[in-house]
N, C-alpha and C. Protein backbone atom coordinates (compact mmCIF):
# COMPACT_ATOMS: atom_id res chain seq x y z
N MET A 1 8.98 0.63 0.54
CA MET A 1 8.55 -0.73 0.65
C MET A 1 9.76 -1.62 0.86
N LYS A 2 9.68 -2.53 1.80
CA LYS A 2 10.73 -3.51 2.01
C LYS A 2 10.08 -4.83 2.39
N ASN A 3 10.34 -5.86 1.59
CA ASN A 3 9.79 -7.19 1.83
C ASN A 3 10.84 -8.24 1.53
N ARG A 4 10.75 -9.36 2.23
CA ARG A 4 11.64 -10.49 1.96
C ARG A 4 11.09 -11.25 0.76
N ILE A 5 11.98 -11.64 -0.14
CA ILE A 5 11.56 -12.39 -1.32
C ILE A 5 12.37 -13.67 -1.43
N ASN A 6 11.88 -14.58 -2.26
CA ASN A 6 12.55 -15.85 -2.47
C ASN A 6 12.66 -16.10 -3.97
N LEU A 7 13.88 -16.08 -4.48
CA LEU A 7 14.16 -16.37 -5.88
C LEU A 7 14.96 -17.66 -5.92
N VAL A 8 14.32 -18.76 -6.33
CA VAL A 8 14.96 -20.07 -6.26
C VAL A 8 15.53 -20.51 -7.61
N THR A 9 14.69 -20.50 -8.63
CA THR A 9 15.10 -21.01 -9.93
C THR A 9 15.49 -19.87 -10.87
N MET A 10 16.10 -20.25 -11.97
CA MET A 10 16.47 -19.26 -12.98
C MET A 10 15.22 -18.63 -13.58
N LYS A 11 14.15 -19.39 -13.70
CA LYS A 11 12.89 -18.84 -14.20
C LYS A 11 12.34 -17.80 -13.23
N ASP A 12 12.44 -18.06 -11.93
CA ASP A 12 12.03 -17.07 -10.93
C ASP A 12 12.78 -15.76 -11.14
N ILE A 13 14.08 -15.87 -11.31
CA ILE A 13 14.92 -14.68 -11.47
C ILE A 13 14.57 -13.94 -12.76
N THR A 14 14.46 -14.66 -13.86
CA THR A 14 14.13 -14.05 -15.15
C THR A 14 12.77 -13.36 -15.11
N ASP A 15 11.78 -14.03 -14.56
CA ASP A 15 10.44 -13.45 -14.46
C ASP A 15 10.43 -12.25 -13.52
N PHE A 16 11.13 -12.35 -12.40
CA PHE A 16 11.19 -11.26 -11.43
C PHE A 16 11.81 -10.01 -12.07
N VAL A 17 12.93 -10.17 -12.75
CA VAL A 17 13.61 -9.03 -13.37
C VAL A 17 12.75 -8.42 -14.47
N ALA A 18 12.06 -9.24 -15.24
CA ALA A 18 11.17 -8.72 -16.28
C ALA A 18 10.05 -7.87 -15.69
N VAL A 19 9.49 -8.32 -14.58
CA VAL A 19 8.41 -7.57 -13.93
C VAL A 19 8.94 -6.31 -13.27
N ILE A 20 10.02 -6.42 -12.54
CA ILE A 20 10.54 -5.29 -11.77
C ILE A 20 11.14 -4.21 -12.67
N SER A 21 11.53 -4.57 -13.87
CA SER A 21 12.06 -3.58 -14.82
C SER A 21 11.01 -2.57 -15.25
N LYS A 22 9.74 -2.90 -15.08
CA LYS A 22 8.66 -2.00 -15.45
C LYS A 22 8.37 -0.94 -14.38
N VAL A 23 8.95 -1.09 -13.20
CA VAL A 23 8.71 -0.17 -12.09
C VAL A 23 9.51 1.11 -12.30
N ASN A 24 8.85 2.25 -12.14
CA ASN A 24 9.55 3.53 -12.23
C ASN A 24 10.34 3.76 -10.95
N GLY A 25 11.52 4.29 -11.11
CA GLY A 25 12.36 4.57 -9.95
C GLY A 25 13.31 3.44 -9.63
N ASP A 26 14.05 3.63 -8.56
CA ASP A 26 15.07 2.67 -8.15
C ASP A 26 14.45 1.54 -7.34
N VAL A 27 14.91 0.33 -7.64
CA VAL A 27 14.50 -0.85 -6.89
C VAL A 27 15.77 -1.64 -6.61
N TYR A 28 15.95 -2.04 -5.36
CA TYR A 28 17.17 -2.72 -4.96
C TYR A 28 16.87 -4.05 -4.30
N LEU A 29 17.83 -4.96 -4.38
CA LEU A 29 17.84 -6.17 -3.58
C LEU A 29 18.89 -5.94 -2.50
N VAL A 30 18.54 -6.23 -1.27
CA VAL A 30 19.47 -6.05 -0.15
C VAL A 30 19.52 -7.33 0.66
N ASP A 31 20.66 -7.55 1.32
CA ASP A 31 20.78 -8.73 2.16
C ASP A 31 20.17 -8.48 3.52
N ARG A 32 20.14 -9.51 4.34
CA ARG A 32 19.48 -9.44 5.64
C ARG A 32 20.06 -8.37 6.55
N PHE A 33 21.35 -8.18 6.49
CA PHE A 33 22.01 -7.22 7.37
C PHE A 33 22.16 -5.83 6.75
N HIS A 34 21.60 -5.68 5.56
CA HIS A 34 21.67 -4.41 4.82
C HIS A 34 23.13 -4.00 4.56
N LYS A 35 23.96 -5.02 4.41
CA LYS A 35 25.38 -4.80 4.15
C LYS A 35 25.66 -4.67 2.64
N PHE A 36 24.88 -5.42 1.85
CA PHE A 36 25.05 -5.41 0.40
C PHE A 36 23.75 -4.96 -0.27
N LYS A 37 23.89 -4.24 -1.37
CA LYS A 37 22.74 -3.69 -2.09
C LYS A 37 23.05 -3.74 -3.58
N VAL A 38 22.13 -4.34 -4.36
CA VAL A 38 22.33 -4.44 -5.81
C VAL A 38 21.06 -3.99 -6.53
N ASN A 39 21.21 -3.65 -7.78
CA ASN A 39 20.10 -3.21 -8.62
C ASN A 39 19.19 -4.40 -8.93
N ALA A 40 17.92 -4.31 -8.54
CA ALA A 40 16.97 -5.41 -8.76
C ALA A 40 16.58 -5.56 -10.23
N LYS A 41 16.88 -4.57 -11.05
CA LYS A 41 16.53 -4.64 -12.47
C LYS A 41 17.61 -5.34 -13.30
N SER A 42 18.65 -5.81 -12.63
CA SER A 42 19.74 -6.51 -13.29
C SER A 42 19.63 -8.01 -13.04
N GLN A 43 19.61 -8.77 -14.10
CA GLN A 43 19.51 -10.22 -13.96
C GLN A 43 20.75 -10.79 -13.28
N LEU A 44 21.91 -10.29 -13.63
CA LEU A 44 23.15 -10.76 -13.01
C LEU A 44 23.15 -10.47 -11.51
N ALA A 45 22.70 -9.29 -11.12
CA ALA A 45 22.64 -8.93 -9.70
C ALA A 45 21.65 -9.82 -8.95
N ALA A 46 20.52 -10.11 -9.57
CA ALA A 46 19.52 -10.97 -8.94
C ALA A 46 20.06 -12.39 -8.78
N MET A 47 20.82 -12.87 -9.76
CA MET A 47 21.43 -14.19 -9.66
C MET A 47 22.45 -14.22 -8.52
N LEU A 48 23.24 -13.18 -8.40
CA LEU A 48 24.22 -13.08 -7.32
C LEU A 48 23.53 -13.11 -5.96
N ALA A 49 22.50 -12.30 -5.81
CA ALA A 49 21.77 -12.23 -4.54
C ALA A 49 21.16 -13.59 -4.19
N SER A 50 20.58 -14.25 -5.17
CA SER A 50 19.95 -15.54 -4.95
C SER A 50 20.96 -16.61 -4.54
N ALA A 51 22.12 -16.57 -5.14
CA ALA A 51 23.13 -17.59 -4.88
C ALA A 51 23.92 -17.35 -3.60
N GLU A 52 24.17 -16.10 -3.25
CA GLU A 52 25.09 -15.80 -2.17
C GLU A 52 24.45 -15.42 -0.84
N TRP A 53 23.25 -14.89 -0.86
CA TRP A 53 22.65 -14.38 0.38
C TRP A 53 21.67 -15.39 0.95
N SER A 54 21.66 -15.53 2.28
CA SER A 54 20.72 -16.45 2.91
C SER A 54 19.30 -15.89 2.89
N GLU A 55 19.17 -14.57 2.96
CA GLU A 55 17.88 -13.90 2.88
C GLU A 55 18.00 -12.69 1.96
N THR A 56 17.04 -12.53 1.09
CA THR A 56 17.05 -11.42 0.14
C THR A 56 15.79 -10.58 0.33
N TYR A 57 15.97 -9.27 0.34
CA TYR A 57 14.85 -8.35 0.51
C TYR A 57 14.79 -7.42 -0.70
N ILE A 58 13.58 -7.04 -1.06
CA ILE A 58 13.39 -6.04 -2.10
C ILE A 58 13.11 -4.71 -1.40
N GLU A 59 13.74 -3.67 -1.90
CA GLU A 59 13.59 -2.34 -1.32
C GLU A 59 13.30 -1.36 -2.45
N SER A 60 12.21 -0.59 -2.28
CA SER A 60 11.79 0.32 -3.33
C SER A 60 11.13 1.55 -2.74
N GLU A 61 11.30 2.68 -3.41
CA GLU A 61 10.63 3.90 -2.98
C GLU A 61 9.15 3.86 -3.35
N THR A 62 8.84 3.19 -4.45
CA THR A 62 7.45 3.08 -4.90
C THR A 62 6.87 1.75 -4.45
N ASP A 63 5.57 1.70 -4.29
CA ASP A 63 4.91 0.47 -3.87
C ASP A 63 4.74 -0.45 -5.08
N CYS A 64 5.45 -1.57 -5.07
CA CYS A 64 5.34 -2.53 -6.17
C CYS A 64 4.92 -3.90 -5.65
N TYR A 65 4.25 -3.91 -4.51
CA TYR A 65 3.83 -5.17 -3.89
C TYR A 65 3.02 -6.05 -4.83
N GLU A 66 2.05 -5.47 -5.51
CA GLU A 66 1.18 -6.25 -6.39
C GLU A 66 1.97 -6.94 -7.51
N LEU A 67 3.03 -6.32 -7.96
CA LEU A 67 3.84 -6.90 -9.04
C LEU A 67 4.70 -8.07 -8.56
N VAL A 68 5.15 -8.02 -7.31
CA VAL A 68 6.11 -9.01 -6.82
C VAL A 68 5.56 -9.93 -5.74
N LYS A 69 4.27 -9.89 -5.50
CA LYS A 69 3.70 -10.65 -4.38
C LYS A 69 3.92 -12.16 -4.49
N LYS A 70 4.09 -12.69 -5.69
CA LYS A 70 4.30 -14.14 -5.79
C LYS A 70 5.69 -14.57 -5.33
N TRP A 71 6.63 -13.65 -5.22
CA TRP A 71 7.96 -13.96 -4.71
C TRP A 71 8.16 -13.60 -3.25
N ILE A 72 7.19 -12.91 -2.66
CA ILE A 72 7.31 -12.48 -1.27
C ILE A 72 7.09 -13.66 -0.34
N VAL A 73 7.96 -13.77 0.64
CA VAL A 73 7.89 -14.86 1.63
C VAL A 73 7.03 -14.42 2.78
């Protein structure tokens, strides 16, 4: 699964990390060019992605669309 997401506020990031931490397996945040990749279950990594990247994508081996659909652009 790969979808573009939008994490704007600190509450968005905190809620997103809390939800995504329940997903089994690896979940990553990647930039638009797939140059950078960070652990989506880390609040610090999610803050970095939100602040530094113009577009952020979630990438996961398992389907977690229903959990993160409110952040999907």
